[in-house]
Structures are given as structure tokens and as C-alpha cells.
Amino acid sequence: MCTRYVSPEAAAIERAWHIGRHTPWRGGEIFPQRPGAFIRAARDSTEPERELVIGQWGLVPWFAKTPKLTYSTCNARSEELADKATFKDPWKHGKRCIIPAWSFDEPNWESGKNVWWRFRRVDGAPWGLAGLWNTWTDKATGELVESYTMLTLNADAHPLMRRMHKPDPKLGPDQQDKRSVVPVEFEDVDLWLHGTQAEARRLLRLSETELFDAGPADVDSAA
């Protein structure tokens, strides 16, 4: 799971992903249930355009009674999107998004304790992480709440990402279900946002190790 990342400010997002309209957003470190920025297909356009939206990191499903959930929805297993009640409706209806991130953090337990690692792109560009979004409506007030989740994939076979997260000593190295976020390259963004479900499914893959600039972060360790 990823539970901490650094979002670019609006101007950097708009430059990197070619979004013409300005949406106020200061960027910074993002945590679950806090506001974050994401990119989706523009809903008020008949052309394949993009829009920047500010919403809660932690997807609020249509059946929720309140936007403040008692369970975590900041991450979604890509392998289960068609079956999980919280995520199957956004996946079915193509509510896919890009989550801009200068970096994201993951816990490394190779020393026997949690050491946070920070993951940047080696080329200095921001990550565009695959996600799903939803707009939840408060039936009592009519308030609209935008929200999103970050997709993950099994990373047991990835040379770098399999080193993250606390291992289960009862399971073998290929049975840990270590998880990784799913980067979407700039040239694939339109296909992710506007393509068919089958086309989007083919983009659910992990990046090559050479793309990562990764190492221990200057942040506090946590249990």
C-alpha cells in the first residue's frame, strides 16, 4: 500500500499533462482522507480533453452513507477491480484518473525495522499514477464530494518493489503479495483516460527498475 506521496502544485501538473485551465492547488505531502489533485477526462467536453480535480484521497463509493469511511479506500488492488463493491462501479464506467506525484513513500523492513524509502523518477519528471475516481452525492444536502483511489499491483517479482513492506515469515518470497503503485507513462495517458476497459487493463503494469531513483527518505520512521 502507498499511504504517503508528494503532489506537484497546479502549475507543474498543468505543464506536465497539458491541462489548459488553472485549478488552484498548492501541492505538498498528501495522506489518506486528505485533499489531493487528480486528472480525469473532462466531463463537460465532447473532445478527449483532461481536467484537474481536487478531491479526497480515499474513494467514496455510491452506496456510502457518509464521505468519512470507517475502512480504507486509498488503495485498490488492480486484480480485484471488477469484483470489489467499492471499486467495481468506477472501473466498469471508465472513471479512471492520473494521480500526479513528485514522489511516493514505501516502508522497507530489510534492517528489521521500518525505514521509509522515497521513490522519484530518475528523469526528474513527476509520476502519473493510475487511479479511479468517483463523485459521491449527499442525499440530504445535495453536496458533491470528489474522491479517488490509487491502484496497486502485486510486486513479488519486481526487483525493487518486492523489497518494500514487512514480509510475512510464514510465506515464501513469491507469496508475499507485496504491492506497488502503477505508473502510467505520459504517452499512455489518453489511452488510460479515454480508452476501452481492455486497453486500460493492458496498461496495468509495473515500471522497469531503471526508471526509479529510490532510497531512504529523510522522514520519521513508523511502526
Protein backbone atom coordinates (compact mmCIF):
# COMPACT_ATOMS: atom_id res chain seq x y z
CA MET A 1 0.00 0.00 0.00
CA CYS A 2 1.00 3.59 -0.54
CA THR A 3 -0.18 5.96 2.18
CA ARG A 4 2.02 9.00 1.56
CA TYR A 5 3.10 10.90 -1.53
CA VAL A 6 4.08 14.40 -2.62
CA SER A 7 1.81 16.16 -5.11
CA PRO A 8 3.10 18.84 -7.52
CA GLU A 9 1.44 22.25 -7.46
CA ALA A 10 -1.22 23.04 -10.07
CA ALA A 11 1.10 24.88 -12.48
CA ALA A 12 3.53 21.94 -12.66
CA ILE A 13 0.67 19.48 -13.18
CA GLU A 14 -0.84 21.59 -15.95
CA ARG A 15 2.52 21.88 -17.73
CA ALA A 16 3.36 18.19 -17.48
CA TRP A 17 -0.05 16.89 -18.56
CA HIS A 18 -1.08 19.75 -20.86
CA ILE A 19 -4.14 20.96 -18.99
CA GLY A 20 -5.14 24.42 -20.11
CA ARG A 21 -7.42 25.57 -17.31
CA HIS A 22 -6.00 26.68 -13.98
CA THR A 23 -7.27 24.95 -10.83
CA PRO A 24 -5.95 26.39 -7.54
CA TRP A 25 -3.78 23.75 -5.86
CA ARG A 26 -0.65 24.27 -3.76
CA GLY A 27 0.61 20.68 -3.81
CA GLY A 28 2.61 19.16 -0.97
CA GLU A 29 2.58 15.97 1.07
CA ILE A 30 -0.68 14.00 0.82
CA PHE A 31 -2.12 11.47 3.26
CA PRO A 32 -5.30 9.32 3.16
CA GLN A 33 -8.59 11.17 3.74
CA ARG A 34 -6.89 14.48 2.88
CA PRO A 35 -7.46 16.55 -0.28
CA GLY A 36 -5.33 15.73 -3.30
CA ALA A 37 -5.22 16.52 -7.02
CA PHE A 38 -6.05 14.10 -9.82
CA ILE A 39 -6.53 14.27 -13.59
CA ARG A 40 -9.55 12.78 -15.36
CA ALA A 41 -11.27 13.03 -18.71
CA ALA A 42 -13.08 16.39 -18.87
CA ARG A 43 -16.75 15.73 -18.15
CA ASP A 44 -18.10 18.86 -19.87
CA SER A 45 -16.34 18.28 -23.20
CA THR A 46 -17.14 16.11 -26.21
CA GLU A 47 -13.42 16.05 -27.10
CA PRO A 48 -10.78 13.87 -25.39
CA GLU A 49 -9.68 16.63 -23.01
CA ARG A 50 -8.34 16.49 -19.46
CA GLU A 51 -9.31 18.33 -16.29
CA LEU A 52 -7.62 18.75 -12.93
CA VAL A 53 -9.83 17.99 -9.93
CA ILE A 54 -9.29 18.33 -6.18
CA GLY A 55 -10.82 15.53 -4.12
CA GLN A 56 -10.43 13.28 -1.12
CA TRP A 57 -7.73 10.58 -1.27
CA GLY A 58 -9.91 7.64 -0.35
CA LEU A 59 -12.65 6.78 -2.82
CA VAL A 60 -16.22 7.24 -1.55
CA PRO A 61 -18.47 4.62 -3.22
CA TRP A 62 -22.01 5.41 -4.33
CA PHE A 63 -23.53 3.35 -1.51
CA ALA A 64 -21.67 5.15 1.32
CA LYS A 65 -23.78 6.94 3.94
CA THR A 66 -21.05 9.49 4.65
CA PRO A 67 -17.80 10.53 2.92
CA LYS A 68 -15.87 9.72 6.10
CA LEU A 69 -15.50 5.96 5.86
CA THR A 70 -14.56 3.52 8.62
CA TYR A 71 -12.40 1.48 6.23
CA SER A 72 -9.50 2.41 3.95
CA THR A 73 -10.11 3.05 0.24
CA CYS A 74 -6.94 4.98 -0.59
CA ASN A 75 -5.53 1.94 -2.45
CA ALA A 76 -7.26 -0.60 -4.70
CA ARG A 77 -5.88 -3.95 -5.87
CA SER A 78 -5.91 -3.86 -9.67
CA GLU A 79 -6.53 -7.60 -9.83
CA GLU A 80 -9.85 -7.19 -7.96
CA LEU A 81 -11.36 -4.10 -9.58
CA ALA A 82 -14.17 -5.96 -11.33
CA ASP A 83 -15.28 -7.70 -8.13
CA LYS A 84 -14.84 -5.36 -5.17
CA ALA A 85 -18.05 -3.50 -4.32
CA THR A 86 -16.25 -0.22 -3.61
CA PHE A 87 -14.37 -0.10 -6.91
CA LYS A 88 -16.30 -2.15 -9.48
CA ASP A 89 -18.70 0.66 -10.43
CA PRO A 90 -15.96 3.25 -11.20
CA TRP A 91 -13.97 0.58 -13.06
CA LYS A 92 -17.00 -0.54 -15.06
CA HIS A 93 -17.85 3.02 -16.09
CA GLY A 94 -14.33 4.05 -17.04
CA LYS A 95 -13.78 6.50 -14.19
CA ARG A 96 -10.02 6.27 -14.49
CA CYS A 97 -7.64 9.02 -13.41
CA ILE A 98 -4.00 10.01 -13.16
CA ILE A 99 -2.58 10.96 -9.75
CA PRO A 100 0.40 13.32 -10.13
CA ALA A 101 3.25 12.75 -7.68
CA TRP A 102 6.77 14.10 -7.41
CA SER A 103 7.48 11.10 -5.20
CA PHE A 104 5.83 8.39 -3.13
CA ASP A 105 6.99 6.61 0.02
CA GLU A 106 7.07 2.93 0.97
CA PRO A 107 8.33 1.11 4.09
CA ASN A 108 11.47 -1.02 3.87
CA TRP A 109 11.98 -3.65 6.59
CA GLU A 110 15.29 -5.16 5.46
CA SER A 111 17.05 -3.83 8.57
CA GLY A 112 14.46 -5.35 10.89
CA LYS A 113 12.68 -2.06 11.42
CA ASN A 114 10.68 0.29 9.23
CA VAL A 115 12.83 2.65 7.17
CA TRP A 116 10.78 4.82 4.82
CA TRP A 117 12.05 4.89 1.26
CA ARG A 118 11.23 7.64 -1.21
CA PHE A 119 10.64 6.88 -4.90
CA ARG A 120 11.23 9.53 -7.57
CA ARG A 121 11.67 9.27 -11.33
CA VAL A 122 15.29 9.22 -12.42
CA ASP A 123 14.48 11.73 -15.21
CA GLY A 124 13.15 14.29 -12.70
CA ALA A 125 9.62 14.27 -14.16
CA PRO A 126 6.58 13.69 -11.94
CA TRP A 127 4.95 10.30 -11.69
CA GLY A 128 1.50 9.81 -13.16
CA LEU A 129 -0.01 7.07 -11.01
CA ALA A 130 -3.06 5.07 -12.10
CA GLY A 131 -6.24 5.63 -10.13
CA LEU A 132 -10.03 5.57 -10.13
CA TRP A 133 -12.34 8.42 -9.16
CA ASN A 134 -15.94 8.86 -8.08
CA THR A 135 -18.34 11.70 -7.34
CA TRP A 136 -20.48 10.98 -4.28
CA THR A 137 -23.73 12.86 -3.66
CA ASP A 138 -25.02 13.60 -0.17
CA LYS A 139 -28.71 12.75 -0.44
CA ALA A 140 -29.62 15.07 2.42
CA THR A 141 -27.83 18.22 1.22
CA GLY A 142 -27.03 17.60 -2.44
CA GLU A 143 -23.33 18.22 -1.76
CA LEU A 144 -20.96 16.63 -4.28
CA VAL A 145 -17.79 15.03 -2.93
CA GLU A 146 -14.99 14.17 -5.35
CA SER A 147 -12.68 11.33 -4.34
CA TYR A 148 -10.09 8.94 -5.78
CA THR A 149 -8.11 5.80 -5.08
CA MET A 150 -4.60 4.72 -6.12
CA LEU A 151 -4.26 1.37 -7.93
CA THR A 152 -1.70 -1.24 -6.90
CA LEU A 153 -0.28 -4.42 -8.41
CA ASN A 154 1.44 -7.46 -6.97
CA ALA A 155 5.19 -6.77 -6.93
CA ASP A 156 6.59 -10.06 -5.62
CA ALA A 157 8.63 -10.46 -8.82
CA HIS A 158 9.77 -6.83 -9.17
CA PRO A 159 13.49 -6.44 -8.31
CA LEU A 160 12.97 -3.17 -6.41
CA MET A 161 9.38 -3.01 -5.19
CA ARG A 162 9.44 -6.54 -3.74
CA ARG A 163 11.92 -5.18 -1.15
CA MET A 164 9.25 -2.92 0.33
CA HIS A 165 6.75 -3.67 3.13
CA LYS A 166 7.11 -6.01 6.08
CA PRO A 167 7.46 -9.64 4.98
CA ASP A 168 5.33 -12.43 6.37
CA PRO A 169 7.79 -15.04 7.67
CA LYS A 170 5.19 -17.79 7.15
CA LEU A 171 5.07 -17.18 3.39
CA GLY A 172 7.61 -17.73 0.64
CA PRO A 173 9.16 -14.82 -1.31
CA ASP A 174 6.79 -15.34 -4.22
CA GLN A 175 3.69 -15.48 -1.99
CA GLN A 176 4.02 -12.23 -0.05
CA ASP A 177 1.67 -10.11 -2.18
CA LYS A 178 3.96 -7.12 -1.90
CA ARG A 179 2.15 -4.19 -3.53
CA SER A 180 3.30 -1.37 -5.83
CA VAL A 181 1.65 1.68 -7.33
CA VAL A 182 1.11 1.62 -11.11
CA PRO A 183 2.81 4.40 -13.11
CA VAL A 184 1.25 5.47 -16.41
CA GLU A 185 3.73 6.98 -18.86
CA PHE A 186 2.91 10.32 -20.49
CA GLU A 187 2.38 8.76 -23.92
CA ASP A 188 -0.25 6.39 -22.45
CA VAL A 189 -2.31 8.95 -20.53
CA ASP A 190 -5.01 9.45 -23.20
CA LEU A 191 -5.39 5.69 -23.59
CA TRP A 192 -5.76 5.31 -19.82
CA LEU A 193 -8.31 8.12 -19.54
CA HIS A 194 -10.29 7.58 -22.76
CA GLY A 195 -9.59 4.01 -23.91
CA THR A 196 -11.66 0.89 -23.51
CA GLN A 197 -11.51 -1.19 -20.37
CA ALA A 198 -9.43 -3.80 -22.21
CA GLU A 199 -6.96 -1.13 -23.37
CA ALA A 200 -6.71 0.27 -19.85
CA ARG A 201 -6.18 -3.20 -18.41
CA ARG A 202 -3.09 -3.66 -20.61
CA LEU A 203 -1.55 -0.53 -19.04
CA LEU A 204 -1.69 -2.06 -15.55
CA ARG A 205 1.97 -2.99 -15.33
CA LEU A 206 4.97 -2.06 -13.20
CA SER A 207 7.77 0.20 -14.39
CA GLU A 208 11.28 -1.01 -15.08
CA THR A 209 13.70 -0.65 -12.17
CA GLU A 210 15.90 1.72 -14.21
CA LEU A 211 13.16 4.37 -14.12
CA PHE A 212 13.37 4.71 -10.31
CA ASP A 213 15.50 6.99 -8.20
CA ALA A 214 14.90 5.33 -4.82
CA GLY A 215 16.45 5.25 -1.37
CA PRO A 216 15.87 6.01 2.32
CA ALA A 217 13.85 9.18 2.82
CA ASP A 218 14.51 11.97 5.29
CA VAL A 219 11.29 11.28 7.15
CA ASP A 220 10.47 9.81 10.52
CA SER A 221 10.25 6.03 10.77
CA ALA A 222 6.97 4.49 11.87
CA ALA A 223 5.97 1.13 13.24
